[in-house]
Amino acid sequence: MPIDAAKALAAEPRTGEITWDHKDVQLYHLGIGAGIPATDPDELRYTLESRLHVLPSFATVAGAGKPGVTGGLSMPGIDVDLARVLHGGQSLVIHRPIPATGTATATNRIAAVYDKGKAAVLVLRTEVGDADGPLWTNDAQIFIRGEGGWGGDRGPSARLDPPAGEPDRVVERHVREDQALLYRLSGDWNPLHADPEFAKIAGFERPILHGLCTYGITLKAVVDALLGGDVTRVRSYTTRFAGVVYPGETLRIRMWHTPESTRVAVSAVERDDAPVLADTIVEHT
């Protein structure tokens, strides 16, 4: 069996130093669609170094995305075909605001291995802190088709009851044709997002957008629409990747807002509102 759950869970955590600066933050923000209109003061806080605020989802690429989703596939006990791999979900806890320039220690390990029958799910946990203490904790749920069925723990269900009533806000965000090509410069080099031939091998008609790009686009929409553009109000952000996005499509982002949290659902407009992000919650002040 390509996945040895016991070996993966028992492996020693991997620890390394990561660094980033304002150029990395600006590139990430551009990769999730910031900067339109280019001279809008609300956009300049994402693109101009003298005004820079760091969107919390930058944590998923800080240090060029290390260890990243594909990094989890090199852990002991894991030997799988990259073409079978999809990003199933992501959760992020922010312990304090992320600085625009930083050096930190990242510790990553396989926190769980679940047997979903026809697939396996790995939970790759990354904990990051600097000299002043913890900064963030990232959990990436990595879905591996065809690698389940060994009789292991199925794990918890991520499904939530649908939000009640009509959304408080609905916004649409167009995804540029070159969005995946720009976003991958922040560190996720999976050819699924750029190479048409690889995408076909993986079962897609053409390259798809990174799930974490949609994740960032969505958080920015919530911060801008409901949190007054204040990135420091975000405390945590969780989602399940329910479907793909193709560059060139339009995202419809529905938001149900309370003082402590916002439920979000994201769909692809051009494909009859096909689900993209589900079971999505932003907790905030």
C-alpha atoms as a PDB file:
ATOM      1  CA  MET A   1       0.000   0.000   0.000  1.00  0.00           C
ATOM      2  CA  PRO A   2       1.485   3.401  -0.971  1.00  0.00           C
ATOM      3  CA  ILE A   3       0.337   4.996   2.304  1.00  0.00           C
ATOM      4  CA  ASP A   4       1.608   3.602   5.585  1.00  0.00           C
ATOM      5  CA  ALA A   5      -0.597   5.510   8.029  1.00  0.00           C
ATOM      6  CA  ALA A   6       1.243   4.365  11.153  1.00  0.00           C
ATOM      7  CA  LYS A   7       4.624   5.344   9.724  1.00  0.00           C
ATOM      8  CA  ALA A   8       3.327   8.732   8.537  1.00  0.00           C
ATOM      9  CA  LEU A   9       1.806   9.572  11.929  1.00  0.00           C
ATOM     10  CA  ALA A  10       4.893   8.420  13.847  1.00  0.00           C
ATOM     11  CA  ALA A  11       7.367  10.375  11.744  1.00  0.00           C
ATOM     12  CA  GLU A  12       9.361  13.131  13.418  1.00  0.00           C
ATOM     13  CA  PRO A  13       8.120  16.634  12.587  1.00  0.00           C
ATOM     14  CA  ARG A  14      10.149  18.565  10.040  1.00  0.00           C
ATOM     15  CA  THR A  15      11.325  21.980  11.113  1.00  0.00           C
ATOM     16  CA  GLY A  16      12.897  24.692   9.015  1.00  0.00           C
ATOM     17  CA  GLU A  17      13.280  28.430   8.695  1.00  0.00           C
ATOM     18  CA  ILE A  18      11.088  30.420   6.346  1.00  0.00           C
ATOM     19  CA  THR A  19      11.486  34.044   5.318  1.00  0.00           C
ATOM     20  CA  TRP A  20       9.434  36.528   3.350  1.00  0.00           C
ATOM     21  CA  ASP A  21       9.421  40.219   2.562  1.00  0.00           C
ATOM     22  CA  HIS A  22       7.093  42.819   1.078  1.00  0.00           C
ATOM     23  CA  LYS A  23       7.710  41.597  -2.492  1.00  0.00           C
ATOM     24  CA  ASP A  24       6.417  38.135  -1.574  1.00  0.00           C
ATOM     25  CA  VAL A  25       3.319  39.657   0.007  1.00  0.00           C
ATOM     26  CA  GLN A  26       2.679  41.927  -2.975  1.00  0.00           C
ATOM     27  CA  LEU A  27       3.123  39.043  -5.444  1.00  0.00           C
ATOM     28  CA  TYR A  28       0.665  36.929  -3.466  1.00  0.00           C
ATOM     29  CA  HIS A  29      -1.891  39.725  -3.395  1.00  0.00           C
ATOM     30  CA  LEU A  30      -1.560  40.215  -7.163  1.00  0.00           C
ATOM     31  CA  GLY A  31      -1.919  36.449  -7.569  1.00  0.00           C
ATOM     32  CA  ILE A  32      -5.345  36.539  -5.915  1.00  0.00           C
ATOM     33  CA  GLY A  33      -6.546  39.480  -7.988  1.00  0.00           C
ATOM     34  CA  ALA A  34      -5.647  42.528  -5.900  1.00  0.00           C
ATOM     35  CA  GLY A  35      -4.796  45.811  -7.584  1.00  0.00           C
ATOM     36  CA  ILE A  36      -7.934  46.376  -9.659  1.00  0.00           C
ATOM     37  CA  PRO A  37      -8.437  49.319 -10.043  1.00  0.00           C
ATOM     38  CA  ALA A  38      -4.717  49.925  -9.689  1.00  0.00           C
ATOM     39  CA  THR A  39      -5.042  53.390  -8.090  1.00  0.00           C
ATOM     40  CA  ASP A  40      -7.940  52.561  -5.754  1.00  0.00           C
ATOM     41  CA  PRO A  41      -6.812  53.402  -2.171  1.00  0.00           C
ATOM     42  CA  ASP A  42      -8.517  50.235  -0.936  1.00  0.00           C
ATOM     43  CA  GLU A  43      -6.391  48.175  -3.331  1.00  0.00           C
ATOM     44  CA  LEU A  44      -3.146  50.052  -2.646  1.00  0.00           C
ATOM     45  CA  ARG A  45      -3.080  48.616   0.867  1.00  0.00           C
ATOM     46  CA  TYR A  46      -2.471  45.250  -0.822  1.00  0.00           C
ATOM     47  CA  THR A  47      -0.053  46.406  -3.511  1.00  0.00           C
ATOM     48  CA  LEU A  48       1.949  49.438  -2.320  1.00  0.00           C
ATOM     49  CA  GLU A  49       4.805  48.681   0.067  1.00  0.00           C
ATOM     50  CA  SER A  50       4.415  51.943   2.000  1.00  0.00           C
ATOM     51  CA  ARG A  51       0.802  51.034   2.913  1.00  0.00           C
ATOM     52  CA  LEU A  52       1.038  47.254   2.962  1.00  0.00           C
ATOM     53  CA  HIS A  53      -1.413  45.146   4.960  1.00  0.00           C
ATOM     54  CA  VAL A  54      -0.958  41.356   4.888  1.00  0.00           C
ATOM     55  CA  LEU A  55      -4.051  39.303   4.108  1.00  0.00           C
ATOM     56  CA  PRO A  56      -3.995  36.355   6.570  1.00  0.00           C
ATOM     57  CA  SER A  57      -4.274  33.759   3.789  1.00  0.00           C
ATOM     58  CA  PHE A  58      -0.729  34.770   2.789  1.00  0.00           C
ATOM     59  CA  ALA A  59       0.216  32.244   5.481  1.00  0.00           C
ATOM     60  CA  THR A  60      -0.485  29.465   2.966  1.00  0.00           C
ATOM     61  CA  VAL A  61       2.402  30.614   0.728  1.00  0.00           C
ATOM     62  CA  ALA A  62       4.815  32.328   3.147  1.00  0.00           C
ATOM     63  CA  GLY A  63       8.302  30.969   2.601  1.00  0.00           C
ATOM     64  CA  ALA A  64       7.437  30.082  -1.025  1.00  0.00           C
ATOM     65  CA  GLY A  65       4.701  27.727   0.072  1.00  0.00           C
ATOM     66  CA  LYS A  66       6.913  25.388   2.094  1.00  0.00           C
ATOM     67  CA  PRO A  67       5.998  22.712   3.027  1.00  0.00           C
ATOM     68  CA  GLY A  68       2.842  23.104   0.947  1.00  0.00           C
ATOM     69  CA  VAL A  69       0.441  20.439  -0.257  1.00  0.00           C
ATOM     70  CA  THR A  70       3.007  18.642  -2.401  1.00  0.00           C
ATOM     71  CA  GLY A  71       5.512  18.840   0.471  1.00  0.00           C
ATOM     72  CA  GLY A  72       3.281  16.559   2.500  1.00  0.00           C
ATOM     73  CA  LEU A  73       3.662  13.882  -0.155  1.00  0.00           C
ATOM     74  CA  SER A  74       7.377  13.520   0.632  1.00  0.00           C
ATOM     75  CA  MET A  75       6.781  12.673   4.292  1.00  0.00           C
ATOM     76  CA  PRO A  76       7.724   9.168   5.545  1.00  0.00           C
ATOM     77  CA  GLY A  77       5.048   6.575   4.780  1.00  0.00           C
ATOM     78  CA  ILE A  78       3.656   8.528   1.819  1.00  0.00           C
ATOM     79  CA  ASP A  79       4.334   7.468  -1.779  1.00  0.00           C
ATOM     80  CA  VAL A  80       1.584   8.515  -4.178  1.00  0.00           C
ATOM     81  CA  ASP A  81       1.078   9.696  -7.756  1.00  0.00           C
ATOM     82  CA  LEU A  82       0.786  13.499  -7.950  1.00  0.00           C
ATOM     83  CA  ALA A  83      -1.866  13.141 -10.683  1.00  0.00           C
ATOM     84  CA  ARG A  84      -4.177  11.545  -8.096  1.00  0.00           C
ATOM     85  CA  VAL A  85      -3.813  14.377  -5.612  1.00  0.00           C
ATOM     86  CA  LEU A  86      -6.357  17.122  -4.946  1.00  0.00           C
ATOM     87  CA  HIS A  87      -6.514  19.715  -2.209  1.00  0.00           C
ATOM     88  CA  GLY A  88      -9.616  18.779  -0.203  1.00  0.00           C
ATOM     89  CA  GLY A  89      -9.778  21.576   2.341  1.00  0.00           C
ATOM     90  CA  GLN A  90      -7.870  24.163   4.315  1.00  0.00           C
ATOM     91  CA  SER A  91      -8.060  25.632   7.787  1.00  0.00           C
ATOM     92  CA  LEU A  92      -6.031  28.513   9.138  1.00  0.00           C
ATOM     93  CA  VAL A  93      -5.776  29.960  12.647  1.00  0.00           C
ATOM     94  CA  ILE A  94      -4.100  33.348  12.987  1.00  0.00           C
ATOM     95  CA  HIS A  95      -2.476  33.909  16.388  1.00  0.00           C
ATOM     96  CA  ARG A  96      -1.435  37.508  15.644  1.00  0.00           C
ATOM     97  CA  PRO A  97      -1.147  39.758  12.573  1.00  0.00           C
ATOM     98  CA  ILE A  98       1.405  38.642   9.985  1.00  0.00           C
ATOM     99  CA  PRO A  99       4.206  41.175   9.436  1.00  0.00           C
ATOM    100  CA  ALA A 100       5.077  42.284   5.893  1.00  0.00           C
ATOM    101  CA  THR A 101       8.656  41.092   6.407  1.00  0.00           C
ATOM    102  CA  GLY A 102       9.552  38.161   8.588  1.00  0.00           C
ATOM    103  CA  THR A 103      11.705  35.204   9.526  1.00  0.00           C
ATOM    104  CA  ALA A 104      10.026  32.323  11.313  1.00  0.00           C
ATOM    105  CA  THR A 105      10.298  28.643  12.157  1.00  0.00           C
ATOM    106  CA  ALA A 106       7.840  26.288  10.450  1.00  0.00           C
ATOM    107  CA  THR A 107       7.182  22.855  11.939  1.00  0.00           C
ATOM    108  CA  ASN A 108       5.163  20.431   9.846  1.00  0.00           C
ATOM    109  CA  ARG A 109       3.873  16.920  10.311  1.00  0.00           C
ATOM    110  CA  ILE A 110       1.118  14.573   9.233  1.00  0.00           C
ATOM    111  CA  ALA A 111      -1.528  15.157  11.910  1.00  0.00           C
ATOM    112  CA  ALA A 112      -4.059  12.588  10.649  1.00  0.00           C
ATOM    113  CA  VAL A 113      -4.602   9.969   7.954  1.00  0.00           C
ATOM    114  CA  TYR A 114      -8.194   9.080   7.081  1.00  0.00           C
ATOM    115  CA  ASP A 115      -9.576   6.221   5.009  1.00  0.00           C
ATOM    116  CA  LYS A 116     -12.519   7.436   2.927  1.00  0.00           C
ATOM    117  CA  GLY A 117     -12.939   4.137   1.087  1.00  0.00           C
ATOM    118  CA  LYS A 118     -12.109   5.136  -2.479  1.00  0.00           C
ATOM    119  CA  ALA A 119      -9.632   7.774  -1.331  1.00  0.00           C
ATOM    120  CA  ALA A 120      -7.288   8.697   1.494  1.00  0.00           C
ATOM    121  CA  VAL A 121      -7.116  12.072   3.217  1.00  0.00           C
ATOM    122  CA  LEU A 122      -3.922  13.364   4.795  1.00  0.00           C
ATOM    123  CA  VAL A 123      -3.993  16.291   7.206  1.00  0.00           C
ATOM    124  CA  LEU A 124      -0.722  18.201   6.905  1.00  0.00           C
ATOM    125  CA  ARG A 125      -0.285  20.537   9.886  1.00  0.00           C
ATOM    126  CA  THR A 126       2.125  23.455   9.804  1.00  0.00           C
ATOM    127  CA  GLU A 127       2.784  25.536  12.912  1.00  0.00           C
ATOM    128  CA  VAL A 128       4.720  28.762  12.443  1.00  0.00           C
ATOM    129  CA  GLY A 129       6.226  31.093  15.005  1.00  0.00           C
ATOM    130  CA  ASP A 130       8.958  33.683  15.354  1.00  0.00           C
ATOM    131  CA  ALA A 131      10.945  35.156  18.217  1.00  0.00           C
ATOM    132  CA  ASP A 132       7.790  36.788  19.578  1.00  0.00           C
ATOM    133  CA  GLY A 133       5.741  33.571  19.678  1.00  0.00           C
ATOM    134  CA  PRO A 134       3.198  31.708  17.510  1.00  0.00           C
ATOM    135  CA  LEU A 135       2.057  33.339  14.260  1.00  0.00           C
ATOM    136  CA  TRP A 136      -0.292  30.844  12.613  1.00  0.00           C
ATOM    137  CA  THR A 137      -1.370  27.215  12.333  1.00  0.00           C
ATOM    138  CA  ASN A 138      -2.288  25.754   8.934  1.00  0.00           C
ATOM    139  CA  ASP A 139      -4.067  22.446   8.296  1.00  0.00           C
ATOM    140  CA  ALA A 140      -4.185  21.255   4.674  1.00  0.00           C
ATOM    141  CA  GLN A 141      -6.475  18.329   3.867  1.00  0.00           C
ATOM    142  CA  ILE A 142      -4.887  16.421   0.977  1.00  0.00           C
ATOM    143  CA  PHE A 143      -7.275  14.135  -0.944  1.00  0.00           C
ATOM    144  CA  ILE A 144      -5.633  11.206  -2.760  1.00  0.00           C
ATOM    145  CA  ARG A 145      -7.877   9.321  -5.155  1.00  0.00           C
ATOM    146  CA  GLY A 146      -7.665   5.533  -5.206  1.00  0.00           C
ATOM    147  CA  GLU A 147      -5.572   5.225  -2.033  1.00  0.00           C
ATOM    148  CA  GLY A 148      -8.236   4.331   0.555  1.00  0.00           C
ATOM    149  CA  GLY A 149      -9.805   1.030   1.507  1.00  0.00           C
ATOM    150  CA  TRP A 150      -7.409  -0.298   4.163  1.00  0.00           C
ATOM    151  CA  GLY A 151     -10.020  -0.174   6.948  1.00  0.00           C
ATOM    152  CA  GLY A 152      -8.676   2.882   8.719  1.00  0.00           C
ATOM    153  CA  ASP A 153     -10.468   5.682  10.575  1.00  0.00           C
ATOM    154  CA  ARG A 154     -12.844   7.578   8.263  1.00  0.00           C
ATOM    155  CA  GLY A 155     -12.348  10.781  10.239  1.00  0.00           C
ATOM    156  CA  PRO A 156     -14.854  13.544  11.008  1.00  0.00           C
ATOM    157  CA  SER A 157     -17.313  14.905   8.467  1.00  0.00           C
ATOM    158  CA  ALA A 158     -16.628  18.463   7.325  1.00  0.00           C
ATOM    159  CA  ARG A 159     -20.182  18.989   6.093  1.00  0.00           C
ATOM    160  CA  LEU A 160     -22.211  21.766   7.725  1.00  0.00           C
ATOM    161  CA  ASP A 161     -25.894  22.574   7.505  1.00  0.00           C
ATOM    162  CA  PRO A 162     -26.533  25.187   4.781  1.00  0.00           C
ATOM    163  CA  PRO A 163     -26.739  28.815   5.977  1.00  0.00           C
ATOM    164  CA  ALA A 164     -30.261  29.986   6.759  1.00  0.00           C
ATOM    165  CA  GLY A 165     -31.984  32.728   4.784  1.00  0.00           C
ATOM    166  CA  GLU A 166     -30.718  35.000   2.051  1.00  0.00           C
ATOM    167  CA  PRO A 167     -27.066  36.106   2.141  1.00  0.00           C
ATOM    168  CA  ASP A 168     -26.215  39.513   3.585  1.00  0.00           C
ATOM    169  CA  ARG A 169     -23.823  40.266   0.734  1.00  0.00           C
ATOM    170  CA  VAL A 170     -23.134  38.821  -2.700  1.00  0.00           C
ATOM    171  CA  VAL A 171     -20.097  39.855  -4.730  1.00  0.00           C
ATOM    172  CA  GLU A 172     -18.618  38.566  -7.956  1.00  0.00           C
ATOM    173  CA  ARG A 173     -14.934  38.295  -8.799  1.00  0.00           C
ATOM    174  CA  HIS A 174     -13.622  37.595 -12.290  1.00  0.00           C
ATOM    175  CA  VAL A 175     -10.672  35.195 -12.513  1.00  0.00           C
ATOM    176  CA  ARG A 176      -8.163  36.281 -15.132  1.00  0.00           C
ATOM    177  CA  GLU A 177      -7.047  33.857 -17.829  1.00  0.00           C
ATOM    178  CA  ASP A 178      -3.489  34.051 -16.480  1.00  0.00           C
ATOM    179  CA  GLN A 179      -4.455  33.984 -12.788  1.00  0.00           C
ATOM    180  CA  ALA A 180      -3.067  30.483 -12.122  1.00  0.00           C
ATOM    181  CA  LEU A 181       0.179  31.313 -13.942  1.00  0.00           C
ATOM    182  CA  LEU A 182       0.633  34.376 -11.729  1.00  0.00           C
ATOM    183  CA  TYR A 183      -0.443  32.669  -8.513  1.00  0.00           C
ATOM    184  CA  ARG A 184       1.943  29.721  -8.943  1.00  0.00           C
ATOM    185  CA  LEU A 185       4.904  32.141  -8.731  1.00  0.00           C
ATOM    186  CA  SER A 186       4.201  32.232  -4.973  1.00  0.00           C
ATOM    187  CA  GLY A 187       5.431  28.641  -4.703  1.00  0.00           C
ATOM    188  CA  ASP A 188       2.855  26.039  -5.808  1.00  0.00           C
ATOM    189  CA  TRP A 189       4.426  24.571  -8.950  1.00  0.00           C
ATOM    190  CA  ASN A 190       1.982  21.674  -9.419  1.00  0.00           C
ATOM    191  CA  PRO A 191       1.719  21.328 -13.244  1.00  0.00           C
ATOM    192  CA  LEU A 192      -2.018  20.699 -12.872  1.00  0.00           C
ATOM    193  CA  HIS A 193      -2.423  24.484 -12.846  1.00  0.00           C
ATOM    194  CA  ALA A 194      -0.361  25.259 -15.953  1.00  0.00           C
ATOM    195  CA  ASP A 195       0.267  22.222 -18.192  1.00  0.00           C
ATOM    196  CA  PRO A 196      -2.707  21.192 -20.398  1.00  0.00           C
ATOM    197  CA  GLU A 197      -1.323  17.691 -20.960  1.00  0.00           C
ATOM    198  CA  PHE A 198      -0.843  17.052 -17.243  1.00  0.00           C
ATOM    199  CA  ALA A 199      -4.342  18.397 -16.557  1.00  0.00           C
ATOM    200  CA  LYS A 200      -5.792  15.863 -19.006  1.00  0.00           C
ATOM    201  CA  ILE A 201      -3.882  13.023 -17.319  1.00  0.00           C
ATOM    202  CA  ALA A 202      -5.400  14.182 -14.023  1.00  0.00           C
ATOM    203  CA  GLY A 203      -8.899  14.099 -15.567  1.00  0.00           C
ATOM    204  CA  PHE A 204      -9.523  17.782 -16.321  1.00  0.00           C
ATOM    205  CA  GLU A 205     -10.266  19.374 -19.689  1.00  0.00           C
ATOM    206  CA  ARG A 206      -7.649  22.066 -19.060  1.00  0.00           C
ATOM    207  CA  PRO A 207      -5.539  23.473 -16.202  1.00  0.00           C
ATOM    208  CA  ILE A 208      -7.526  24.478 -13.134  1.00  0.00           C
ATOM    209  CA  LEU A 209      -7.043  27.316 -10.668  1.00  0.00           C
ATOM    210  CA  HIS A 210      -5.286  26.522  -7.400  1.00  0.00           C
ATOM    211  CA  GLY A 211      -7.805  25.929  -4.642  1.00  0.00           C
ATOM    212  CA  LEU A 212      -5.739  28.188  -2.406  1.00  0.00           C
ATOM    213  CA  CYS A 213      -6.016  30.974  -4.973  1.00  0.00           C
ATOM    214  CA  THR A 214      -9.814  30.780  -4.717  1.00  0.00           C
ATOM    215  CA  TYR A 215      -9.338  30.622  -0.938  1.00  0.00           C
ATOM    216  CA  GLY A 216      -7.394  33.908  -1.000  1.00  0.00           C
ATOM    217  CA  ILE A 217      -9.781  35.626  -3.422  1.00  0.00           C
ATOM    218  CA  THR A 218     -12.674  34.728  -1.127  1.00  0.00           C
ATOM    219  CA  LEU A 219     -11.039  35.945   2.085  1.00  0.00           C
ATOM    220  CA  LYS A 220     -10.136  39.247   0.441  1.00  0.00           C
ATOM    221  CA  ALA A 221     -13.772  39.649  -0.649  1.00  0.00           C
ATOM    222  CA  VAL A 222     -14.994  39.086   2.918  1.00  0.00           C
ATOM    223  CA  VAL A 223     -12.424  41.465   4.427  1.00  0.00           C
ATOM    224  CA  ASP A 224     -13.181  44.180   1.883  1.00  0.00           C
ATOM    225  CA  ALA A 225     -16.975  43.817   1.911  1.00  0.00           C
ATOM    226  CA  LEU A 226     -17.696  43.182   5.585  1.00  0.00           C
ATOM    227  CA  LEU A 227     -14.639  43.926   7.744  1.00  0.00           C
ATOM    228  CA  GLY A 228     -13.829  47.426   6.531  1.00  0.00           C
ATOM    229  CA  GLY A 229     -10.652  46.203   4.850  1.00  0.00           C
ATOM    230  CA  ASP A 230      -9.111  45.457   8.270  1.00  0.00           C
ATOM    231  CA  VAL A 231      -7.067  42.260   7.814  1.00  0.00           C
ATOM    232  CA  THR A 232      -6.220  42.133  11.540  1.00  0.00           C
ATOM    233  CA  ARG A 233      -9.842  41.277  12.418  1.00  0.00           C
ATOM    234  CA  VAL A 234      -9.544  37.753  10.953  1.00  0.00           C
ATOM    235  CA  ARG A 235      -9.051  35.040  13.594  1.00  0.00           C
ATOM    236  CA  SER A 236      -9.549  31.832  11.596  1.00  0.00           C
ATOM    237  CA  TYR A 237     -10.645  30.684   8.153  1.00  0.00           C
ATOM    238  CA  THR A 238     -11.822  27.220   7.158  1.00  0.00           C
ATOM    239  CA  THR A 239     -13.102  25.828   3.865  1.00  0.00           C
ATOM    240  CA  ARG A 240     -13.826  22.650   1.931  1.00  0.00           C
ATOM    241  CA  PHE A 241     -12.896  22.631  -1.755  1.00  0.00           C
ATOM    242  CA  ALA A 242     -16.145  21.449  -3.346  1.00  0.00           C
ATOM    243  CA  GLY A 243     -15.316  21.931  -7.038  1.00  0.00           C
ATOM    244  CA  VAL A 244     -12.840  23.328  -9.501  1.00  0.00           C
ATOM    245  CA  VAL A 245     -12.426  26.785 -11.022  1.00  0.00           C
ATOM    246  CA  TYR A 246     -11.128  27.331 -14.533  1.00  0.00           C
ATOM    247  CA  PRO A 247      -9.184  30.543 -15.227  1.00  0.00           C
ATOM    248  CA  GLY A 248     -11.435  32.995 -17.045  1.00  0.00           C
ATOM    249  CA  GLU A 249     -14.516  32.156 -14.989  1.00  0.00           C
ATOM    250  CA  THR A 250     -16.401  34.348 -12.525  1.00  0.00           C
ATOM    251  CA  LEU A 251     -16.765  33.535  -8.836  1.00  0.00           C
ATOM    252  CA  ARG A 252     -20.030  34.325  -7.064  1.00  0.00           C
ATOM    253  CA  ILE A 253     -19.310  34.803  -3.350  1.00  0.00           C
ATOM    254  CA  ARG A 254     -22.305  34.706  -0.985  1.00  0.00           C
ATOM    255  CA  MET A 255     -21.839  35.865   2.624  1.00  0.00           C
ATOM    256  CA  TRP A 256     -23.967  35.386   5.752  1.00  0.00           C
ATOM    257  CA  HIS A 257     -22.596  37.783   8.368  1.00  0.00           C
ATOM    258  CA  THR A 258     -22.707  37.943  12.178  1.00  0.00           C
ATOM    259  CA  PRO A 259     -20.536  40.031  14.533  1.00  0.00           C
ATOM    260  CA  GLU A 260     -18.290  37.024  15.299  1.00  0.00           C
ATOM    261  CA  SER A 261     -18.210  35.066  12.045  1.00  0.00           C
ATOM    262  CA  THR A 262     -19.182  34.978   8.390  1.00  0.00           C
ATOM    263  CA  ARG A 263     -20.439  31.898   6.544  1.00  0.00           C
ATOM    264  CA  VAL A 264     -19.469  31.860   2.877  1.00  0.00           C
ATOM    265  CA  ALA A 265     -20.429  29.856  -0.211  1.00  0.00           C
ATOM    266  CA  VAL A 266     -18.612  30.262  -3.526  1.00  0.00           C
ATOM    267  CA  SER A 267     -19.768  29.083  -6.954  1.00  0.00           C
ATOM    268  CA  ALA A 268     -18.778  29.353 -10.618  1.00  0.00           C
ATOM    269  CA  VAL A 269     -21.224  31.662 -12.384  1.00  0.00           C
ATOM    270  CA  GLU A 270     -20.674  30.359 -15.926  1.00  0.00           C
ATOM    271  CA  ARG A 271     -21.356  26.741 -14.909  1.00  0.00           C
ATOM    272  CA  ASP A 272     -24.816  27.321 -13.410  1.00  0.00           C
ATOM    273  CA  ASP A 273     -23.406  28.220 -10.000  1.00  0.00           C
ATOM    274  CA  ALA A 274     -21.469  24.974  -9.650  1.00  0.00           C
ATOM    275  CA  PRO A 275     -20.140  24.788  -6.056  1.00  0.00           C
ATOM    276  CA  VAL A 276     -16.493  25.772  -5.578  1.00  0.00           C
ATOM    277  CA  LEU A 277     -16.027  26.437  -1.832  1.00  0.00           C
ATOM    278  CA  ALA A 278     -18.404  24.976   0.746  1.00  0.00           C
ATOM    279  CA  ASP A 279     -18.584  24.705   4.539  1.00  0.00           C
ATOM    280  CA  THR A 280     -16.635  27.951   4.696  1.00  0.00           C
ATOM    281  CA  ILE A 281     -16.356  30.053   7.854  1.00  0.00           C
ATOM    282  CA  VAL A 282     -14.350  33.199   8.590  1.00  0.00           C
ATOM    283  CA  GLU A 283     -14.163  33.925  12.317  1.00  0.00           C
ATOM    284  CA  HIS A 284     -13.368  37.538  13.158  1.00  0.00           C
ATOM    285  CA  THR A 285     -13.718  40.328  15.655  1.00  0.00           C
END
